[in-house]
Amino acid sequence: MVIVFVILLNFIPASILENPLVSLLIISGIFLVYYNMMEVVFQKTLGKFITRTRVVTANGRKPKEKDIILRTFCRFIPFDNFSYIGGGNGFHDQFSKTKVIKDKRNRSF
């Protein structure tokens, strides 16, 4: 995802990025578009393609668009990354009732 950010940020004039609020809004927008687009269309991000995993609902079905949107917004919860301590799912999976599983299907881009 860092590579996607770097590529997209190269198209934005440096003078715009000098304002911290504007930078935060632009980066947050890229973040939201990336996760929503990838997980709605493919059920996975680039990292999940590499690890051969995908997002499903708690009952193992393909998530609806609203599930993915909620999951993406929940990634903004402070300390979401620490919610994995002790095993289990992160906050973004708990609140959106989703989980990440091994992808046994032979599907690529």
N, C-alpha and C. Protein backbone atom coordinates (compact mmCIF):
# COMPACT_ATOMS: atom_id res chain seq x y z
N MET A 1 0.82 -1.18 0.00
CA MET A 1 0.00 0.00 0.00
C MET A 1 0.87 1.25 0.00
N VAL A 2 2.01 1.17 0.62
CA VAL A 2 2.92 2.31 0.66
C VAL A 2 3.32 2.71 -0.76
N ILE A 3 3.54 1.72 -1.61
CA ILE A 3 3.92 2.00 -2.99
C ILE A 3 2.79 2.76 -3.70
N VAL A 4 1.55 2.35 -3.46
CA VAL A 4 0.40 3.04 -4.07
C VAL A 4 0.37 4.50 -3.62
N PHE A 5 0.58 4.74 -2.32
CA PHE A 5 0.60 6.11 -1.80
C PHE A 5 1.69 6.94 -2.46
N VAL A 6 2.89 6.39 -2.53
CA VAL A 6 4.02 7.13 -3.10
C VAL A 6 3.74 7.49 -4.55
N ILE A 7 3.23 6.54 -5.31
CA ILE A 7 2.94 6.81 -6.72
C ILE A 7 1.90 7.91 -6.85
N LEU A 8 0.81 7.81 -6.10
CA LEU A 8 -0.26 8.81 -6.20
C LEU A 8 0.17 10.17 -5.68
N LEU A 9 0.98 10.19 -4.64
CA LEU A 9 1.43 11.47 -4.09
C LEU A 9 2.36 12.21 -5.04
N ASN A 10 3.01 11.51 -5.95
CA ASN A 10 3.88 12.16 -6.93
C ASN A 10 3.09 13.01 -7.91
N PHE A 11 1.80 12.78 -8.04
CA PHE A 11 0.97 13.56 -8.95
C PHE A 11 0.36 14.80 -8.29
N ILE A 12 0.59 14.96 -6.99
CA ILE A 12 0.04 16.11 -6.26
C ILE A 12 1.15 17.14 -6.06
N PRO A 13 0.90 18.40 -6.43
CA PRO A 13 1.93 19.43 -6.25
C PRO A 13 2.38 19.55 -4.79
N ALA A 14 3.67 19.74 -4.59
CA ALA A 14 4.24 19.82 -3.25
C ALA A 14 3.63 20.97 -2.45
N SER A 15 3.28 22.06 -3.12
CA SER A 15 2.71 23.21 -2.40
C SER A 15 1.40 22.85 -1.71
N ILE A 16 0.63 21.95 -2.29
CA ILE A 16 -0.63 21.53 -1.67
C ILE A 16 -0.35 20.68 -0.43
N LEU A 17 0.67 19.84 -0.51
CA LEU A 17 0.98 18.93 0.59
C LEU A 17 1.65 19.62 1.77
N GLU A 18 2.01 20.88 1.63
CA GLU A 18 2.63 21.61 2.75
C GLU A 18 1.63 21.86 3.87
N ASN A 19 0.35 21.90 3.56
CA ASN A 19 -0.69 22.08 4.56
C ASN A 19 -0.99 20.72 5.19
N PRO A 20 -0.74 20.55 6.51
CA PRO A 20 -0.93 19.23 7.14
C PRO A 20 -2.37 18.72 7.04
N LEU A 21 -3.35 19.60 7.15
CA LEU A 21 -4.74 19.17 7.08
C LEU A 21 -5.08 18.64 5.69
N VAL A 22 -4.62 19.35 4.67
CA VAL A 22 -4.86 18.92 3.29
C VAL A 22 -4.16 17.58 3.05
N SER A 23 -2.94 17.45 3.54
CA SER A 23 -2.20 16.19 3.38
C SER A 23 -2.95 15.04 4.03
N LEU A 24 -3.46 15.27 5.24
CA LEU A 24 -4.20 14.24 5.96
C LEU A 24 -5.46 13.84 5.19
N LEU A 25 -6.17 14.82 4.66
CA LEU A 25 -7.38 14.53 3.90
C LEU A 25 -7.08 13.76 2.61
N ILE A 26 -6.03 14.14 1.92
CA ILE A 26 -5.66 13.45 0.68
C ILE A 26 -5.24 12.01 0.97
N ILE A 27 -4.39 11.83 1.96
CA ILE A 27 -3.92 10.48 2.31
C ILE A 27 -5.08 9.62 2.80
N SER A 28 -5.98 10.19 3.60
CA SER A 28 -7.14 9.44 4.07
C SER A 28 -8.05 9.05 2.90
N GLY A 29 -8.21 9.96 1.95
CA GLY A 29 -9.02 9.66 0.77
C GLY A 29 -8.44 8.53 -0.05
N ILE A 30 -7.13 8.56 -0.26
CA ILE A 30 -6.45 7.49 -1.01
C ILE A 30 -6.64 6.17 -0.27
N PHE A 31 -6.47 6.19 1.04
CA PHE A 31 -6.63 5.02 1.90
C PHE A 31 -8.03 4.42 1.74
N LEU A 32 -9.05 5.27 1.83
CA LEU A 32 -10.44 4.82 1.73
C LEU A 32 -10.75 4.24 0.35
N VAL A 33 -10.31 4.92 -0.68
CA VAL A 33 -10.57 4.44 -2.05
C VAL A 33 -9.86 3.11 -2.30
N TYR A 34 -8.60 3.02 -1.89
CA TYR A 34 -7.82 1.80 -2.10
C TYR A 34 -8.48 0.59 -1.45
N TYR A 35 -8.74 0.67 -0.14
CA TYR A 35 -9.32 -0.47 0.56
C TYR A 35 -10.71 -0.82 0.05
N ASN A 36 -11.55 0.19 -0.12
CA ASN A 36 -12.91 -0.08 -0.60
C ASN A 36 -12.90 -0.70 -1.99
N MET A 37 -12.15 -0.12 -2.90
CA MET A 37 -12.13 -0.62 -4.27
C MET A 37 -11.59 -2.06 -4.32
N MET A 38 -10.48 -2.31 -3.69
CA MET A 38 -9.86 -3.63 -3.76
C MET A 38 -10.71 -4.70 -3.08
N GLU A 39 -11.25 -4.38 -1.90
CA GLU A 39 -11.98 -5.41 -1.17
C GLU A 39 -13.40 -5.60 -1.69
N VAL A 40 -14.01 -4.59 -2.27
CA VAL A 40 -15.34 -4.77 -2.88
C VAL A 40 -15.20 -5.59 -4.16
N VAL A 41 -14.23 -5.28 -4.97
CA VAL A 41 -14.07 -5.95 -6.27
C VAL A 41 -13.46 -7.35 -6.12
N PHE A 42 -12.37 -7.46 -5.37
CA PHE A 42 -11.61 -8.71 -5.31
C PHE A 42 -11.72 -9.47 -3.99
N GLN A 43 -12.29 -8.86 -2.95
CA GLN A 43 -12.30 -9.39 -1.60
C GLN A 43 -10.90 -9.44 -1.01
N LYS A 44 -9.97 -8.72 -1.58
CA LYS A 44 -8.60 -8.73 -1.09
C LYS A 44 -7.85 -7.50 -1.56
N THR A 45 -6.82 -7.17 -0.79
CA THR A 45 -5.90 -6.09 -1.16
C THR A 45 -4.67 -6.73 -1.78
N LEU A 46 -3.71 -5.91 -2.18
CA LEU A 46 -2.48 -6.47 -2.76
C LEU A 46 -1.77 -7.40 -1.79
N GLY A 47 -1.76 -7.03 -0.51
CA GLY A 47 -1.15 -7.89 0.50
C GLY A 47 -1.85 -9.23 0.63
N LYS A 48 -3.16 -9.22 0.50
CA LYS A 48 -3.92 -10.47 0.58
C LYS A 48 -3.70 -11.32 -0.67
N PHE A 49 -3.42 -10.71 -1.81
CA PHE A 49 -3.06 -11.49 -2.99
C PHE A 49 -1.76 -12.25 -2.72
N ILE A 50 -0.81 -11.56 -2.10
CA ILE A 50 0.50 -12.17 -1.83
C ILE A 50 0.37 -13.29 -0.80
N THR A 51 -0.41 -13.06 0.25
CA THR A 51 -0.55 -14.06 1.31
C THR A 51 -1.64 -15.09 1.03
N ARG A 52 -2.31 -14.93 -0.13
CA ARG A 52 -3.38 -15.84 -0.55
C ARG A 52 -4.48 -15.95 0.51
N THR A 53 -4.94 -14.77 0.93
CA THR A 53 -6.05 -14.69 1.86
C THR A 53 -7.12 -13.79 1.26
N ARG A 54 -8.32 -13.81 1.86
CA ARG A 54 -9.39 -12.93 1.39
C ARG A 54 -10.33 -12.62 2.54
N VAL A 55 -11.15 -11.60 2.34
CA VAL A 55 -12.11 -11.16 3.34
C VAL A 55 -13.44 -11.84 3.08
N VAL A 56 -14.04 -12.36 4.15
CA VAL A 56 -15.38 -12.93 4.08
C VAL A 56 -16.17 -12.45 5.29
N THR A 57 -17.48 -12.66 5.27
CA THR A 57 -18.30 -12.33 6.44
C THR A 57 -18.04 -13.38 7.52
N ALA A 58 -18.56 -13.14 8.70
CA ALA A 58 -18.36 -14.08 9.80
C ALA A 58 -18.88 -15.48 9.47
N ASN A 59 -19.89 -15.55 8.60
CA ASN A 59 -20.43 -16.86 8.22
C ASN A 59 -19.81 -17.40 6.92
N GLY A 60 -18.74 -16.78 6.43
CA GLY A 60 -17.99 -17.30 5.30
C GLY A 60 -18.46 -16.87 3.92
N ARG A 61 -19.39 -15.92 3.86
CA ARG A 61 -19.89 -15.46 2.56
C ARG A 61 -19.14 -14.22 2.08
N LYS A 62 -19.36 -13.88 0.81
CA LYS A 62 -18.77 -12.67 0.26
C LYS A 62 -19.40 -11.45 0.95
N PRO A 63 -18.57 -10.53 1.47
CA PRO A 63 -19.12 -9.35 2.15
C PRO A 63 -19.84 -8.43 1.16
N LYS A 64 -20.88 -7.78 1.66
CA LYS A 64 -21.57 -6.77 0.87
C LYS A 64 -20.75 -5.49 0.91
N GLU A 65 -21.07 -4.60 -0.01
CA GLU A 65 -20.32 -3.34 -0.09
C GLU A 65 -20.38 -2.58 1.23
N LYS A 66 -21.52 -2.58 1.89
CA LYS A 66 -21.65 -1.86 3.17
C LYS A 66 -20.75 -2.47 4.24
N ASP A 67 -20.53 -3.78 4.20
CA ASP A 67 -19.63 -4.44 5.15
C ASP A 67 -18.19 -3.97 4.94
N ILE A 68 -17.80 -3.87 3.68
CA ILE A 68 -16.43 -3.43 3.35
C ILE A 68 -16.24 -1.96 3.73
N ILE A 69 -17.24 -1.13 3.46
CA ILE A 69 -17.13 0.29 3.81
C ILE A 69 -16.99 0.44 5.32
N LEU A 70 -17.80 -0.26 6.09
CA LEU A 70 -17.69 -0.21 7.55
C LEU A 70 -16.32 -0.71 7.99
N ARG A 71 -15.87 -1.81 7.40
CA ARG A 71 -14.55 -2.38 7.73
C ARG A 71 -13.44 -1.36 7.47
N THR A 72 -13.54 -0.66 6.36
CA THR A 72 -12.51 0.32 6.01
C THR A 72 -12.53 1.50 6.98
N PHE A 73 -13.70 2.03 7.29
CA PHE A 73 -13.76 3.15 8.23
C PHE A 73 -13.29 2.74 9.63
N CYS A 74 -13.52 1.50 10.01
CA CYS A 74 -13.07 1.03 11.32
C CYS A 74 -11.55 0.96 11.42
N ARG A 75 -10.86 0.96 10.29
CA ARG A 75 -9.39 0.97 10.31
C ARG A 75 -8.84 2.28 10.89
N PHE A 76 -9.69 3.32 10.94
CA PHE A 76 -9.27 4.60 11.51
C PHE A 76 -9.37 4.61 13.03
N ILE A 77 -9.88 3.54 13.63
CA ILE A 77 -9.97 3.48 15.09
C ILE A 77 -8.56 3.48 15.65
N PRO A 78 -8.28 4.40 16.58
CA PRO A 78 -6.94 4.41 17.18
C PRO A 78 -6.62 3.04 17.81
N PHE A 79 -5.43 2.60 17.67
CA PHE A 79 -4.94 1.35 18.24
C PHE A 79 -5.54 0.10 17.59
N ASP A 80 -6.12 0.24 16.39
CA ASP A 80 -6.66 -0.92 15.69
C ASP A 80 -5.59 -1.99 15.50
N ASN A 81 -4.38 -1.57 15.20
CA ASN A 81 -3.30 -2.54 14.99
C ASN A 81 -2.98 -3.34 16.25
N PHE A 82 -3.21 -2.75 17.41
CA PHE A 82 -2.93 -3.45 18.66
C PHE A 82 -4.06 -4.40 19.05
N SER A 83 -5.18 -4.34 18.36
CA SER A 83 -6.32 -5.19 18.71
C SER A 83 -6.06 -6.66 18.36
N TYR A 84 -4.95 -6.94 17.68
CA TYR A 84 -4.60 -8.32 17.34
C TYR A 84 -3.83 -9.01 18.47
N ILE A 85 -3.40 -8.25 19.46
CA ILE A 85 -2.61 -8.82 20.56
C ILE A 85 -3.47 -9.86 21.27
N GLY A 86 -2.92 -11.02 21.46
CA GLY A 86 -3.66 -12.10 22.10
C GLY A 86 -4.45 -12.94 21.12
N GLY A 87 -4.24 -12.71 19.83
CA GLY A 87 -4.95 -13.49 18.81
C GLY A 87 -6.29 -12.87 18.47
N GLY A 88 -6.98 -13.48 17.58
CA GLY A 88 -8.29 -12.98 17.18
C GLY A 88 -8.21 -11.97 16.07
N ASN A 89 -9.34 -11.33 15.81
CA ASN A 89 -9.44 -10.36 14.73
C ASN A 89 -9.23 -8.94 15.24
N GLY A 90 -8.89 -8.05 14.33
CA GLY A 90 -8.76 -6.64 14.67
C GLY A 90 -10.13 -6.00 14.85
N PHE A 91 -10.13 -4.78 15.38
CA PHE A 91 -11.39 -4.07 15.57
C PHE A 91 -12.17 -3.96 14.26
N HIS A 92 -11.44 -3.69 13.16
CA HIS A 92 -12.14 -3.51 11.89
C HIS A 92 -12.86 -4.78 11.45
N ASP A 93 -12.37 -5.94 11.84
CA ASP A 93 -13.07 -7.18 11.53
C ASP A 93 -14.20 -7.45 12.54
N GLN A 94 -13.94 -7.15 13.80
CA GLN A 94 -14.96 -7.39 14.83
C GLN A 94 -16.22 -6.56 14.59
N PHE A 95 -16.04 -5.27 14.34
CA PHE A 95 -17.19 -4.38 14.19
C PHE A 95 -17.94 -4.60 12.88
N SER A 96 -17.23 -5.00 11.83
CA SER A 96 -17.89 -5.22 10.54
C SER A 96 -18.33 -6.67 10.36
N LYS A 97 -18.07 -7.49 11.38
CA LYS A 97 -18.44 -8.91 11.34
C LYS A 97 -17.85 -9.61 10.11
N THR A 98 -16.57 -9.35 9.89
CA THR A 98 -15.84 -9.99 8.80
C THR A 98 -14.63 -10.70 9.38
N LYS A 99 -13.98 -11.47 8.53
CA LYS A 99 -12.73 -12.12 8.93
C LYS A 99 -11.91 -12.38 7.68
N VAL A 100 -10.64 -12.68 7.88
CA VAL A 100 -9.73 -12.98 6.78
C VAL A 100 -9.43 -14.47 6.85
N ILE A 101 -9.58 -15.14 5.71
CA ILE A 101 -9.34 -16.58 5.64
C ILE A 101 -8.35 -16.88 4.51
N LYS A 102 -7.77 -18.08 4.55
CA LYS A 102 -6.94 -18.54 3.44
C LYS A 102 -7.83 -18.70 2.22
N ASP A 103 -7.35 -18.24 1.06
CA ASP A 103 -8.11 -18.33 -0.18
C ASP A 103 -7.71 -19.61 -0.90
N LYS A 104 -8.60 -20.57 -0.91
CA LYS A 104 -8.31 -21.85 -1.55
C LYS A 104 -8.69 -21.87 -3.01
N ARG A 105 -9.27 -20.76 -3.48
CA ARG A 105 -9.64 -20.67 -4.89
C ARG A 105 -8.41 -20.31 -5.73
N ASN A 106 -8.34 -20.75 -6.94
CA ASN A 106 -7.26 -20.39 -7.86
C ASN A 106 -7.67 -19.15 -8.63
N ARG A 107 -7.60 -18.02 -8.01
CA ARG A 107 -8.04 -16.78 -8.65
C ARG A 107 -6.94 -15.74 -8.51
N SER A 108 -6.64 -15.09 -9.59
CA SER A 108 -5.66 -14.01 -9.55
C SER A 108 -6.31 -12.77 -10.15
N PHE A 109 -5.48 -11.74 -10.42
CA PHE A 109 -6.01 -10.50 -10.99
C PHE A 109 -6.81 -10.86 -12.21
